[in-house]
Amino acid sequence: MKQIINIQERYGAELHTRQLIERLAASLNPADSYLLDMQGVQQISRSAADELYNLTHSNIHVDIINLEPFVEKMFSAVTKGRFLPRQHTAGDMPIVHCATISSVLQQLGSL
């Protein structure tokens, strides 16, 4: 039987840090199964959502239920981001490649 953990009661309506989810994970027994009830959790940071994703893909059996709309969107964005290639754009700044420490120092000195 799965143990239900009411996240809003335990941690509040706003989950802002990765460390909070890490503390939750540390309190769970890998031999048990859990339902994380997110009802009432209105905000979650991207880093907390990322750590929650890690928890759902760990050796601890965890399912998440009752996601509020914003939390569901953030968790979905994190999940989709895991499967998309990362693209880095240079913007309007030139990229300088340095092969030695002295060339790095020279470039930094020119700023």
PDB file of N, CA and C in Angstrom:
ATOM      1  N   MET A   1       0.843  -1.186   0.000  1.00  0.00           N
ATOM      2  CA  MET A   1       0.000   0.000   0.000  1.00  0.00           C
ATOM      3  C   MET A   1       0.885   1.245   0.000  1.00  0.00           C
ATOM      4  N   LYS A   2       0.488   2.210  -0.786  1.00  0.00           N
ATOM      5  CA  LYS A   2       1.276   3.440  -0.896  1.00  0.00           C
ATOM      6  C   LYS A   2       0.969   4.388   0.256  1.00  0.00           C
ATOM      7  N   GLN A   3       2.022   4.984   0.781  1.00  0.00           N
ATOM      8  CA  GLN A   3       1.859   6.006   1.810  1.00  0.00           C
ATOM      9  C   GLN A   3       1.608   7.347   1.125  1.00  0.00           C
ATOM     10  N   ILE A   4       0.618   8.076   1.587  1.00  0.00           N
ATOM     11  CA  ILE A   4       0.303   9.388   1.020  1.00  0.00           C
ATOM     12  C   ILE A   4       1.007  10.454   1.846  1.00  0.00           C
ATOM     13  N   ILE A   5       1.736  11.320   1.161  1.00  0.00           N
ATOM     14  CA  ILE A   5       2.411  12.441   1.816  1.00  0.00           C
ATOM     15  C   ILE A   5       1.805  13.723   1.270  1.00  0.00           C
ATOM     16  N   ASN A   6       1.182  14.499   2.141  1.00  0.00           N
ATOM     17  CA  ASN A   6       0.601  15.777   1.747  1.00  0.00           C
ATOM     18  C   ASN A   6       1.720  16.823   1.767  1.00  0.00           C
ATOM     19  N   ILE A   7       2.190  17.194   0.595  1.00  0.00           N
ATOM     20  CA  ILE A   7       3.341  18.097   0.474  1.00  0.00           C
ATOM     21  C   ILE A   7       3.014  19.493   0.994  1.00  0.00           C
ATOM     22  N   GLN A   8       1.815  19.983   0.735  1.00  0.00           N
ATOM     23  CA  GLN A   8       1.447  21.329   1.194  1.00  0.00           C
ATOM     24  C   GLN A   8       1.445  21.397   2.722  1.00  0.00           C
ATOM     25  N   GLU A   9       0.939  20.364   3.382  1.00  0.00           N
ATOM     26  CA  GLU A   9       0.941  20.346   4.849  1.00  0.00           C
ATOM     27  C   GLU A   9       2.360  20.275   5.406  1.00  0.00           C
ATOM     28  N   ARG A  10       3.210  19.495   4.743  1.00  0.00           N
ATOM     29  CA  ARG A  10       4.563  19.281   5.260  1.00  0.00           C
ATOM     30  C   ARG A  10       5.499  20.442   4.946  1.00  0.00           C
ATOM     31  N   TYR A  11       5.386  21.019   3.724  1.00  0.00           N
ATOM     32  CA  TYR A  11       6.369  22.015   3.281  1.00  0.00           C
ATOM     33  C   TYR A  11       5.781  23.373   2.913  1.00  0.00           C
ATOM     34  N   GLY A  12       4.465  23.483   2.826  1.00  0.00           N
ATOM     35  CA  GLY A  12       3.852  24.752   2.480  1.00  0.00           C
ATOM     36  C   GLY A  12       3.420  24.811   1.026  1.00  0.00           C
ATOM     37  N   ALA A  13       2.859  25.953   0.635  1.00  0.00           N
ATOM     38  CA  ALA A  13       2.279  26.125  -0.699  1.00  0.00           C
ATOM     39  C   ALA A  13       3.297  26.541  -1.751  1.00  0.00           C
ATOM     40  N   GLU A  14       4.539  26.831  -1.334  1.00  0.00           N
ATOM     41  CA  GLU A  14       5.576  27.259  -2.277  1.00  0.00           C
ATOM     42  C   GLU A  14       6.847  26.458  -2.030  1.00  0.00           C
ATOM     43  N   LEU A  15       7.288  25.769  -3.068  1.00  0.00           N
ATOM     44  CA  LEU A  15       8.503  24.956  -2.986  1.00  0.00           C
ATOM     45  C   LEU A  15       9.585  25.665  -3.791  1.00  0.00           C
ATOM     46  N   HIS A  16      10.553  26.244  -3.091  1.00  0.00           N
ATOM     47  CA  HIS A  16      11.515  27.103  -3.774  1.00  0.00           C
ATOM     48  C   HIS A  16      12.907  26.518  -3.955  1.00  0.00           C
ATOM     49  N   THR A  17      13.249  25.449  -3.239  1.00  0.00           N
ATOM     50  CA  THR A  17      14.637  24.995  -3.313  1.00  0.00           C
ATOM     51  C   THR A  17      14.754  23.511  -3.621  1.00  0.00           C
ATOM     52  N   ARG A  18      15.825  23.197  -4.286  1.00  0.00           N
ATOM     53  CA  ARG A  18      16.197  21.813  -4.570  1.00  0.00           C
ATOM     54  C   ARG A  18      16.421  21.055  -3.256  1.00  0.00           C
ATOM     55  N   GLN A  19      17.006  21.747  -2.269  1.00  0.00           N
ATOM     56  CA  GLN A  19      17.334  21.117  -0.995  1.00  0.00           C
ATOM     57  C   GLN A  19      16.082  20.616  -0.271  1.00  0.00           C
ATOM     58  N   LEU A  20      14.980  21.307  -0.422  1.00  0.00           N
ATOM     59  CA  LEU A  20      13.733  20.872   0.203  1.00  0.00           C
ATOM     60  C   LEU A  20      13.325  19.497  -0.325  1.00  0.00           C
ATOM     61  N   ILE A  21      13.409  19.319  -1.632  1.00  0.00           N
ATOM     62  CA  ILE A  21      13.049  18.031  -2.237  1.00  0.00           C
ATOM     63  C   ILE A  21      14.087  16.977  -1.866  1.00  0.00           C
ATOM     64  N   GLU A  22      15.356  17.369  -1.752  1.00  0.00           N
ATOM     65  CA  GLU A  22      16.390  16.428  -1.313  1.00  0.00           C
ATOM     66  C   GLU A  22      16.107  15.940   0.104  1.00  0.00           C
ATOM     67  N   ARG A  23      15.660  16.847   0.989  1.00  0.00           N
ATOM     68  CA  ARG A  23      15.308  16.445   2.361  1.00  0.00           C
ATOM     69  C   ARG A  23      14.123  15.479   2.348  1.00  0.00           C
ATOM     70  N   LEU A  24      13.140  15.756   1.486  1.00  0.00           N
ATOM     71  CA  LEU A  24      12.006  14.845   1.347  1.00  0.00           C
ATOM     72  C   LEU A  24      12.506  13.467   0.925  1.00  0.00           C
ATOM     73  N   ALA A  25      13.341  13.420  -0.103  1.00  0.00           N
ATOM     74  CA  ALA A  25      13.857  12.146  -0.610  1.00  0.00           C
ATOM     75  C   ALA A  25      14.617  11.387   0.474  1.00  0.00           C
ATOM     76  N   ALA A  26      15.403  12.106   1.266  1.00  0.00           N
ATOM     77  CA  ALA A  26      16.187  11.470   2.330  1.00  0.00           C
ATOM     78  C   ALA A  26      15.291  10.864   3.408  1.00  0.00           C
ATOM     79  N   SER A  27      14.065  11.370   3.534  1.00  0.00           N
ATOM     80  CA  SER A  27      13.155  10.859   4.561  1.00  0.00           C
ATOM     81  C   SER A  27      12.364   9.636   4.096  1.00  0.00           C
ATOM     82  N   LEU A  28      12.488   9.278   2.821  1.00  0.00           N
ATOM     83  CA  LEU A  28      11.704   8.172   2.270  1.00  0.00           C
ATOM     84  C   LEU A  28      12.493   6.870   2.301  1.00  0.00           C
ATOM     85  N   ASN A  29      11.790   5.784   2.554  1.00  0.00           N
ATOM     86  CA  ASN A  29      12.393   4.456   2.590  1.00  0.00           C
ATOM     87  C   ASN A  29      12.261   3.816   1.206  1.00  0.00           C
ATOM     88  N   PRO A  30      13.368   3.435   0.572  1.00  0.00           N
ATOM     89  CA  PRO A  30      13.282   2.833  -0.764  1.00  0.00           C
ATOM     90  C   PRO A  30      12.447   1.551  -0.812  1.00  0.00           C
ATOM     91  N   ALA A  31      12.227   0.913   0.320  1.00  0.00           N
ATOM     92  CA  ALA A  31      11.433  -0.316   0.347  1.00  0.00           C
ATOM     93  C   ALA A  31       9.931  -0.037   0.279  1.00  0.00           C
ATOM     94  N   ASP A  32       9.540   1.214   0.474  1.00  0.00           N
ATOM     95  CA  ASP A  32       8.123   1.583   0.476  1.00  0.00           C
ATOM     96  C   ASP A  32       7.741   2.311  -0.814  1.00  0.00           C
ATOM     97  N   SER A  33       6.440   2.487  -1.013  1.00  0.00           N
ATOM     98  CA  SER A  33       5.905   3.243  -2.152  1.00  0.00           C
ATOM     99  C   SER A  33       5.154   4.450  -1.626  1.00  0.00           C
ATOM    100  N   TYR A  34       5.196   5.544  -2.404  1.00  0.00           N
ATOM    101  CA  TYR A  34       4.631   6.799  -1.928  1.00  0.00           C
ATOM    102  C   TYR A  34       3.785   7.478  -2.994  1.00  0.00           C
ATOM    103  N   LEU A  35       2.755   8.175  -2.533  1.00  0.00           N
ATOM    104  CA  LEU A  35       1.982   9.108  -3.346  1.00  0.00           C
ATOM    105  C   LEU A  35       2.241  10.489  -2.777  1.00  0.00           C
ATOM    106  N   LEU A  36       2.812  11.362  -3.581  1.00  0.00           N
ATOM    107  CA  LEU A  36       3.030  12.738  -3.157  1.00  0.00           C
ATOM    108  C   LEU A  36       1.822  13.547  -3.598  1.00  0.00           C
ATOM    109  N   ASP A  37       1.024  13.969  -2.636  1.00  0.00           N
ATOM    110  CA  ASP A  37      -0.182  14.747  -2.920  1.00  0.00           C
ATOM    111  C   ASP A  37       0.205  16.223  -2.949  1.00  0.00           C
ATOM    112  N   MET A  38       0.170  16.815  -4.135  1.00  0.00           N
ATOM    113  CA  MET A  38       0.607  18.195  -4.334  1.00  0.00           C
ATOM    114  C   MET A  38      -0.542  19.199  -4.255  1.00  0.00           C
ATOM    115  N   GLN A  39      -1.731  18.744  -3.859  1.00  0.00           N
ATOM    116  CA  GLN A  39      -2.868  19.664  -3.769  1.00  0.00           C
ATOM    117  C   GLN A  39      -2.528  20.804  -2.818  1.00  0.00           C
ATOM    118  N   GLY A  40      -2.769  22.021  -3.276  1.00  0.00           N
ATOM    119  CA  GLY A  40      -2.503  23.204  -2.472  1.00  0.00           C
ATOM    120  C   GLY A  40      -1.127  23.804  -2.682  1.00  0.00           C
ATOM    121  N   VAL A  41      -0.237  23.083  -3.361  1.00  0.00           N
ATOM    122  CA  VAL A  41       1.085  23.637  -3.680  1.00  0.00           C
ATOM    123  C   VAL A  41       0.909  24.503  -4.922  1.00  0.00           C
ATOM    124  N   GLN A  42       1.047  25.811  -4.762  1.00  0.00           N
ATOM    125  CA  GLN A  42       0.759  26.764  -5.832  1.00  0.00           C
ATOM    126  C   GLN A  42       1.984  27.147  -6.649  1.00  0.00           C
ATOM    127  N   GLN A  43       3.170  27.071  -6.063  1.00  0.00           N
ATOM    128  CA  GLN A  43       4.397  27.506  -6.733  1.00  0.00           C
ATOM    129  C   GLN A  43       5.488  26.466  -6.537  1.00  0.00           C
ATOM    130  N   ILE A  44       6.316  26.304  -7.565  1.00  0.00           N
ATOM    131  CA  ILE A  44       7.498  25.460  -7.462  1.00  0.00           C
ATOM    132  C   ILE A  44       8.569  26.072  -8.350  1.00  0.00           C
ATOM    133  N   SER A  45       9.779  26.152  -7.844  1.00  0.00           N
ATOM    134  CA  SER A  45      10.871  26.678  -8.658  1.00  0.00           C
ATOM    135  C   SER A  45      11.305  25.609  -9.655  1.00  0.00           C
ATOM    136  N   ARG A  46      12.001  26.050 -10.687  1.00  0.00           N
ATOM    137  CA  ARG A  46      12.484  25.096 -11.681  1.00  0.00           C
ATOM    138  C   ARG A  46      13.445  24.099 -11.039  1.00  0.00           C
ATOM    139  N   SER A  47      14.294  24.578 -10.123  1.00  0.00           N
ATOM    140  CA  SER A  47      15.250  23.666  -9.486  1.00  0.00           C
ATOM    141  C   SER A  47      14.537  22.649  -8.598  1.00  0.00           C
ATOM    142  N   ALA A  48      13.496  23.067  -7.885  1.00  0.00           N
ATOM    143  CA  ALA A  48      12.733  22.122  -7.063  1.00  0.00           C
ATOM    144  C   ALA A  48      11.994  21.120  -7.952  1.00  0.00           C
ATOM    145  N   ALA A  49      11.439  21.588  -9.064  1.00  0.00           N
ATOM    146  CA  ALA A  49      10.755  20.690  -9.999  1.00  0.00           C
ATOM    147  C   ALA A  49      11.741  19.702 -10.607  1.00  0.00           C
ATOM    148  N   ASP A  50      12.952  20.166 -10.896  1.00  0.00           N
ATOM    149  CA  ASP A  50      13.990  19.289 -11.440  1.00  0.00           C
ATOM    150  C   ASP A  50      14.354  18.203 -10.426  1.00  0.00           C
ATOM    151  N   GLU A  51      14.483  18.577  -9.178  1.00  0.00           N
ATOM    152  CA  GLU A  51      14.812  17.597  -8.142  1.00  0.00           C
ATOM    153  C   GLU A  51      13.647  16.637  -7.921  1.00  0.00           C
ATOM    154  N   LEU A  52      12.424  17.123  -8.050  1.00  0.00           N
ATOM    155  CA  LEU A  52      11.251  16.259  -7.953  1.00  0.00           C
ATOM    156  C   LEU A  52      11.253  15.245  -9.099  1.00  0.00           C
ATOM    157  N   TYR A  53      11.630  15.694 -10.293  1.00  0.00           N
ATOM    158  CA  TYR A  53      11.774  14.779 -11.431  1.00  0.00           C
ATOM    159  C   TYR A  53      12.803  13.702 -11.097  1.00  0.00           C
ATOM    160  N   ASN A  54      13.951  14.124 -10.528  1.00  0.00           N
ATOM    161  CA  ASN A  54      14.983  13.158 -10.144  1.00  0.00           C
ATOM    162  C   ASN A  54      14.433  12.131  -9.158  1.00  0.00           C
ATOM    163  N   LEU A  55      13.634  12.591  -8.212  1.00  0.00           N
ATOM    164  CA  LEU A  55      13.051  11.692  -7.216  1.00  0.00           C
ATOM    165  C   LEU A  55      12.136  10.666  -7.874  1.00  0.00           C
ATOM    166  N   THR A  56      11.348  11.090  -8.857  1.00  0.00           N
ATOM    167  CA  THR A  56      10.426  10.160  -9.524  1.00  0.00           C
ATOM    168  C   THR A  56      11.164   9.155 -10.401  1.00  0.00           C
ATOM    169  N   HIS A  57      12.434   9.408 -10.673  1.00  0.00           N
ATOM    170  CA  HIS A  57      13.240   8.492 -11.480  1.00  0.00           C
ATOM    171  C   HIS A  57      14.384   7.902 -10.663  1.00  0.00           C
ATOM    172  N   SER A  58      14.159   7.750  -9.381  1.00  0.00           N
ATOM    173  CA  SER A  58      15.180   7.198  -8.487  1.00  0.00           C
ATOM    174  C   SER A  58      14.790   5.772  -8.091  1.00  0.00           C
ATOM    175  N   ASN A  59      15.513   5.228  -7.129  1.00  0.00           N
ATOM    176  CA  ASN A  59      15.204   3.877  -6.655  1.00  0.00           C
ATOM    177  C   ASN A  59      14.035   3.857  -5.664  1.00  0.00           C
ATOM    178  N   ILE A  60      13.438   5.009  -5.407  1.00  0.00           N
ATOM    179  CA  ILE A  60      12.281   5.110  -4.516  1.00  0.00           C
ATOM    180  C   ILE A  60      11.024   5.206  -5.382  1.00  0.00           C
ATOM    181  N   HIS A  61      10.040   4.343  -5.124  1.00  0.00           N
ATOM    182  CA  HIS A  61       8.821   4.357  -5.937  1.00  0.00           C
ATOM    183  C   HIS A  61       7.918   5.497  -5.480  1.00  0.00           C
ATOM    184  N   VAL A  62       7.812   6.519  -6.333  1.00  0.00           N
ATOM    185  CA  VAL A  62       7.054   7.728  -6.012  1.00  0.00           C
ATOM    186  C   VAL A  62       6.136   8.080  -7.181  1.00  0.00           C
ATOM    187  N   ASP A  63       4.881   8.340  -6.876  1.00  0.00           N
ATOM    188  CA  ASP A  63       3.941   8.892  -7.848  1.00  0.00           C
ATOM    189  C   ASP A  63       3.465  10.237  -7.321  1.00  0.00           C
ATOM    190  N   ILE A  64       3.136  11.131  -8.242  1.00  0.00           N
ATOM    191  CA  ILE A  64       2.697  12.475  -7.867  1.00  0.00           C
ATOM    192  C   ILE A  64       1.249  12.644  -8.304  1.00  0.00           C
ATOM    193  N   ILE A  65       0.427  13.185  -7.402  1.00  0.00           N
ATOM    194  CA  ILE A  65      -0.987  13.396  -7.722  1.00  0.00           C
ATOM    195  C   ILE A  65      -1.390  14.831  -7.381  1.00  0.00           C
ATOM    196  N   ASN A  66      -2.491  15.256  -7.967  1.00  0.00           N
ATOM    197  CA  ASN A  66      -3.143  16.540  -7.664  1.00  0.00           C
ATOM    198  C   ASN A  66      -2.244  17.756  -7.888  1.00  0.00           C
ATOM    199  N   LEU A  67      -1.586  17.795  -9.034  1.00  0.00           N
ATOM    200  CA  LEU A  67      -0.752  18.952  -9.363  1.00  0.00           C
ATOM    201  C   LEU A  67      -1.629  20.158  -9.687  1.00  0.00           C
ATOM    202  N   GLU A  68      -1.340  21.278  -9.056  1.00  0.00           N
ATOM    203  CA  GLU A  68      -2.006  22.540  -9.381  1.00  0.00           C
ATOM    204  C   GLU A  68      -1.503  22.997 -10.758  1.00  0.00           C
ATOM    205  N   PRO A  69      -2.261  23.827 -11.498  1.00  0.00           N
ATOM    206  CA  PRO A  69      -1.901  24.181 -12.876  1.00  0.00           C
ATOM    207  C   PRO A  69      -0.471  24.702 -13.054  1.00  0.00           C
ATOM    208  N   PHE A  70      -0.026  25.657 -12.237  1.00  0.00           N
ATOM    209  CA  PHE A  70       1.326  26.192 -12.410  1.00  0.00           C
ATOM    210  C   PHE A  70       2.377  25.124 -12.146  1.00  0.00           C
ATOM    211  N   VAL A  71       2.172  24.342 -11.108  1.00  0.00           N
ATOM    212  CA  VAL A  71       3.131  23.294 -10.747  1.00  0.00           C
ATOM    213  C   VAL A  71       3.184  22.242 -11.850  1.00  0.00           C
ATOM    214  N   GLU A  72       2.046  21.905 -12.413  1.00  0.00           N
ATOM    215  CA  GLU A  72       2.002  20.940 -13.509  1.00  0.00           C
ATOM    216  C   GLU A  72       2.771  21.461 -14.726  1.00  0.00           C
ATOM    217  N   LYS A  73       2.610  22.748 -15.039  1.00  0.00           N
ATOM    218  CA  LYS A  73       3.333  23.336 -16.174  1.00  0.00           C
ATOM    219  C   LYS A  73       4.841  23.321 -15.939  1.00  0.00           C
ATOM    220  N   MET A  74       5.265  23.663 -14.736  1.00  0.00           N
ATOM    221  CA  MET A  74       6.695  23.680 -14.440  1.00  0.00           C
ATOM    222  C   MET A  74       7.271  22.265 -14.483  1.00  0.00           C
ATOM    223  N   PHE A  75       6.570  21.300 -13.903  1.00  0.00           N
ATOM    224  CA  PHE A  75       7.040  19.918 -13.915  1.00  0.00           C
ATOM    225  C   PHE A  75       7.092  19.393 -15.346  1.00  0.00           C
ATOM    226  N   SER A  76       6.104  19.760 -16.151  1.00  0.00           N
ATOM    227  CA  SER A  76       6.082  19.359 -17.557  1.00  0.00           C
ATOM    228  C   SER A  76       7.255  19.972 -18.319  1.00  0.00           C
ATOM    229  N   ALA A  77       7.556  21.244 -18.056  1.00  0.00           N
ATOM    230  CA  ALA A  77       8.686  21.908 -18.721  1.00  0.00           C
ATOM    231  C   ALA A  77      10.002  21.226 -18.368  1.00  0.00           C
ATOM    232  N   VAL A  78      10.166  20.870 -17.108  1.00  0.00           N
ATOM    233  CA  VAL A  78      11.387  20.180 -16.679  1.00  0.00           C
ATOM    234  C   VAL A  78      11.473  18.808 -17.343  1.00  0.00           C
ATOM    235  N   THR A  79      10.364  18.088 -17.371  1.00  0.00           N
ATOM    236  CA  THR A  79      10.349  16.756 -17.975  1.00  0.00           C
ATOM    237  C   THR A  79      10.685  16.831 -19.460  1.00  0.00           C
ATOM    238  N   LYS A  80      10.061  17.760 -20.177  1.00  0.00           N
ATOM    239  CA  LYS A  80      10.343  17.911 -21.608  1.00  0.00           C
ATOM    240  C   LYS A  80      11.790  18.311 -21.838  1.00  0.00           C
ATOM    241  N   GLY A  81      12.324  19.153 -20.959  1.00  0.00           N
ATOM    242  CA  GLY A  81      13.704  19.600 -21.088  1.00  0.00           C
ATOM    243  C   GLY A  81      14.708  18.473 -20.979  1.00  0.00           C
ATOM    244  N   ARG A  82      14.343  17.409 -20.314  1.00  0.00           N
ATOM    245  CA  ARG A  82      15.244  16.262 -20.180  1.00  0.00           C
ATOM    246  C   ARG A  82      15.428  15.530 -21.503  1.00  0.00           C
ATOM    247  N   PHE A  83      14.477  15.668 -22.412  1.00  0.00           N
ATOM    248  CA  PHE A  83      14.518  14.916 -23.656  1.00  0.00           C
ATOM    249  C   PHE A  83      14.870  15.764 -24.873  1.00  0.00           C
ATOM    250  N   LEU A  84      15.052  17.061 -24.672  1.00  0.00           N
ATOM    251  CA  LEU A  84      15.411  17.948 -25.778  1.00  0.00           C
ATOM    252  C   LEU A  84      16.899  18.251 -25.726  1.00  0.00           C
ATOM    253  N   PRO A  85      17.541  18.330 -26.888  1.00  0.00           N
ATOM    254  CA  PRO A  85      18.958  18.714 -26.868  1.00  0.00           C
ATOM    255  C   PRO A  85      19.099  20.158 -26.403  1.00  0.00           C
ATOM    256  N   ARG A  86      20.135  20.410 -25.648  1.00  0.00           N
ATOM    257  CA  ARG A  86      20.371  21.773 -25.166  1.00  0.00           C
ATOM    258  C   ARG A  86      21.006  22.598 -26.270  1.00  0.00           C
ATOM    259  N   GLN A  87      20.486  23.793 -26.436  1.00  0.00           N
ATOM    260  CA  GLN A  87      21.012  24.703 -27.437  1.00  0.00           C
ATOM    261  C   GLN A  87      21.494  25.955 -26.736  1.00  0.00           C
ATOM    262  N   HIS A  88      22.724  26.307 -27.006  1.00  0.00           N
ATOM    263  CA  HIS A  88      23.297  27.509 -26.417  1.00  0.00           C
ATOM    264  C   HIS A  88      23.508  28.527 -27.528  1.00  0.00           C
ATOM    265  N   THR A  89      22.999  29.710 -27.327  1.00  0.00           N
ATOM    266  CA  THR A  89      23.179  30.759 -28.319  1.00  0.00           C
ATOM    267  C   THR A  89      24.171  31.775 -27.786  1.00  0.00           C
ATOM    268  N   ALA A  90      24.935  32.316 -28.681  1.00  0.00           N
ATOM    269  CA  ALA A  90      25.967  33.269 -28.288  1.00  0.00           C
ATOM    270  C   ALA A  90      25.406  34.671 -28.115  1.00  0.00           C
ATOM    271  N   GLY A  91      24.213  34.908 -28.603  1.00  0.00           N
ATOM    272  CA  GLY A  91      23.670  36.261 -28.531  1.00  0.00           C
ATOM    273  C   GLY A  91      24.494  37.184 -29.408  1.00  0.00           C
ATOM    274  N   ASP A  92      24.716  38.406 -28.946  1.00  0.00           N
ATOM    275  CA  ASP A  92      25.485  39.359 -29.742  1.00  0.00           C
ATOM    276  C   ASP A  92      26.931  39.469 -29.267  1.00  0.00           C
ATOM    277  N   MET A  93      27.349  38.580 -28.384  1.00  0.00           N
ATOM    278  CA  MET A  93      28.722  38.597 -27.882  1.00  0.00           C
ATOM    279  C   MET A  93      29.565  37.607 -28.682  1.00  0.00           C
ATOM    280  N   PRO A  94      30.765  38.023 -29.065  1.00  0.00           N
ATOM    281  CA  PRO A  94      31.631  37.083 -29.782  1.00  0.00           C
ATOM    282  C   PRO A  94      32.141  35.997 -28.833  1.00  0.00           C
ATOM    283  N   ILE A  95      32.322  34.814 -29.365  1.00  0.00           N
ATOM    284  CA  ILE A  95      32.894  33.717 -28.592  1.00  0.00           C
ATOM    285  C   ILE A  95      34.381  33.667 -28.903  1.00  0.00           C
ATOM    286  N   VAL A  96      35.184  33.685 -27.869  1.00  0.00           N
ATOM    287  CA  VAL A  96      36.634  33.655 -28.024  1.00  0.00           C
ATOM    288  C   VAL A  96      37.135  32.322 -27.492  1.00  0.00           C
ATOM    289  N   HIS A  97      37.892  31.609 -28.303  1.00  0.00           N
ATOM    290  CA  HIS A  97      38.460  30.330 -27.889  1.00  0.00           C
ATOM    291  C   HIS A  97      39.907  30.553 -27.469  1.00  0.00           C
ATOM    292  N   CYS A  98      40.225  30.112 -26.274  1.00  0.00           N
ATOM    293  CA  CYS A  98      41.571  30.282 -25.731  1.00  0.00           C
ATOM    294  C   CYS A  98      42.181  28.910 -25.483  1.00  0.00           C
ATOM    295  N   ALA A  99      43.405  28.732 -25.972  1.00  0.00           N
ATOM    296  CA  ALA A  99      44.078  27.447 -25.821  1.00  0.00           C
ATOM    297  C   ALA A  99      45.021  27.413 -24.626  1.00  0.00           C
ATOM    298  N   THR A 100      45.384  28.568 -24.118  1.00  0.00           N
ATOM    299  CA  THR A 100      46.332  28.611 -23.006  1.00  0.00           C
ATOM    300  C   THR A 100      45.838  29.587 -21.939  1.00  0.00           C
ATOM    301  N   ILE A 101      46.414  29.469 -20.757  1.00  0.00           N
ATOM    302  CA  ILE A 101      46.079  30.391 -19.670  1.00  0.00           C
ATOM    303  C   ILE A 101      46.472  31.815 -20.043  1.00  0.00           C
ATOM    304  N   SER A 102      47.621  31.964 -20.697  1.00  0.00           N
ATOM    305  CA  SER A 102      48.055  33.318 -21.055  1.00  0.00           C
ATOM    306  C   SER A 102      47.090  33.961 -22.052  1.00  0.00           C
ATOM    307  N   SER A 103      46.515  33.174 -22.961  1.00  0.00           N
ATOM    308  CA  SER A 103      45.541  33.753 -23.896  1.00  0.00           C
ATOM    309  C   SER A 103      44.240  34.118 -23.171  1.00  0.00           C
ATOM    310  N   VAL A 104      43.867  33.351 -22.136  1.00  0.00           N
ATOM    311  CA  VAL A 104      42.702  33.702 -21.318  1.00  0.00           C
ATOM    312  C   VAL A 104      42.963  35.018 -20.602  1.00  0.00           C
ATOM    313  N   LEU A 105      44.146  35.139 -19.984  1.00  0.00           N
ATOM    314  CA  LEU A 105      44.500  36.365 -19.272  1.00  0.00           C
ATOM    315  C   LEU A 105      44.541  37.560 -20.216  1.00  0.00           C
ATOM    316  N   GLN A 106      45.042  37.346 -21.423  1.00  0.00           N
ATOM    317  CA  GLN A 106      45.092  38.421 -22.412  1.00  0.00           C
ATOM    318  C   GLN A 106      43.672  38.869 -22.772  1.00  0.00           C
ATOM    319  N   GLN A 107      42.770  37.922 -22.986  1.00  0.00           N
ATOM    320  CA  GLN A 107      41.386  38.268 -23.315  1.00  0.00           C
ATOM    321  C   GLN A 107      40.709  38.988 -22.151  1.00  0.00           C
ATOM    322  N   LEU A 108      40.933  38.511 -20.933  1.00  0.00           N
ATOM    323  CA  LEU A 108      40.340  39.165 -19.766  1.00  0.00           C
ATOM    324  C   LEU A 108      40.885  40.571 -19.586  1.00  0.00           C
ATOM    325  N   GLY A 109      42.161  40.754 -19.887  1.00  0.00           N
ATOM    326  CA  GLY A 109      42.771  42.075 -19.779  1.00  0.00           C
ATOM    327  C   GLY A 109      42.224  43.061 -20.786  1.00  0.00           C
ATOM    328  N   SER A 110      41.673  42.556 -21.881  1.00  0.00           N
ATOM    329  CA  SER A 110      41.149  43.448 -22.917  1.00  0.00           C
ATOM    330  C   SER A 110      39.725  43.918 -22.615  1.00  0.00           C
ATOM    331  N   LEU A 111      39.125  43.400 -21.591  1.00  0.00           N
ATOM    332  CA  LEU A 111      37.742  43.791 -21.268  1.00  0.00           C
ATOM    333  C   LEU A 111      37.677  45.133 -20.589  1.00  0.00           C
TER     334      LEU A 111
END
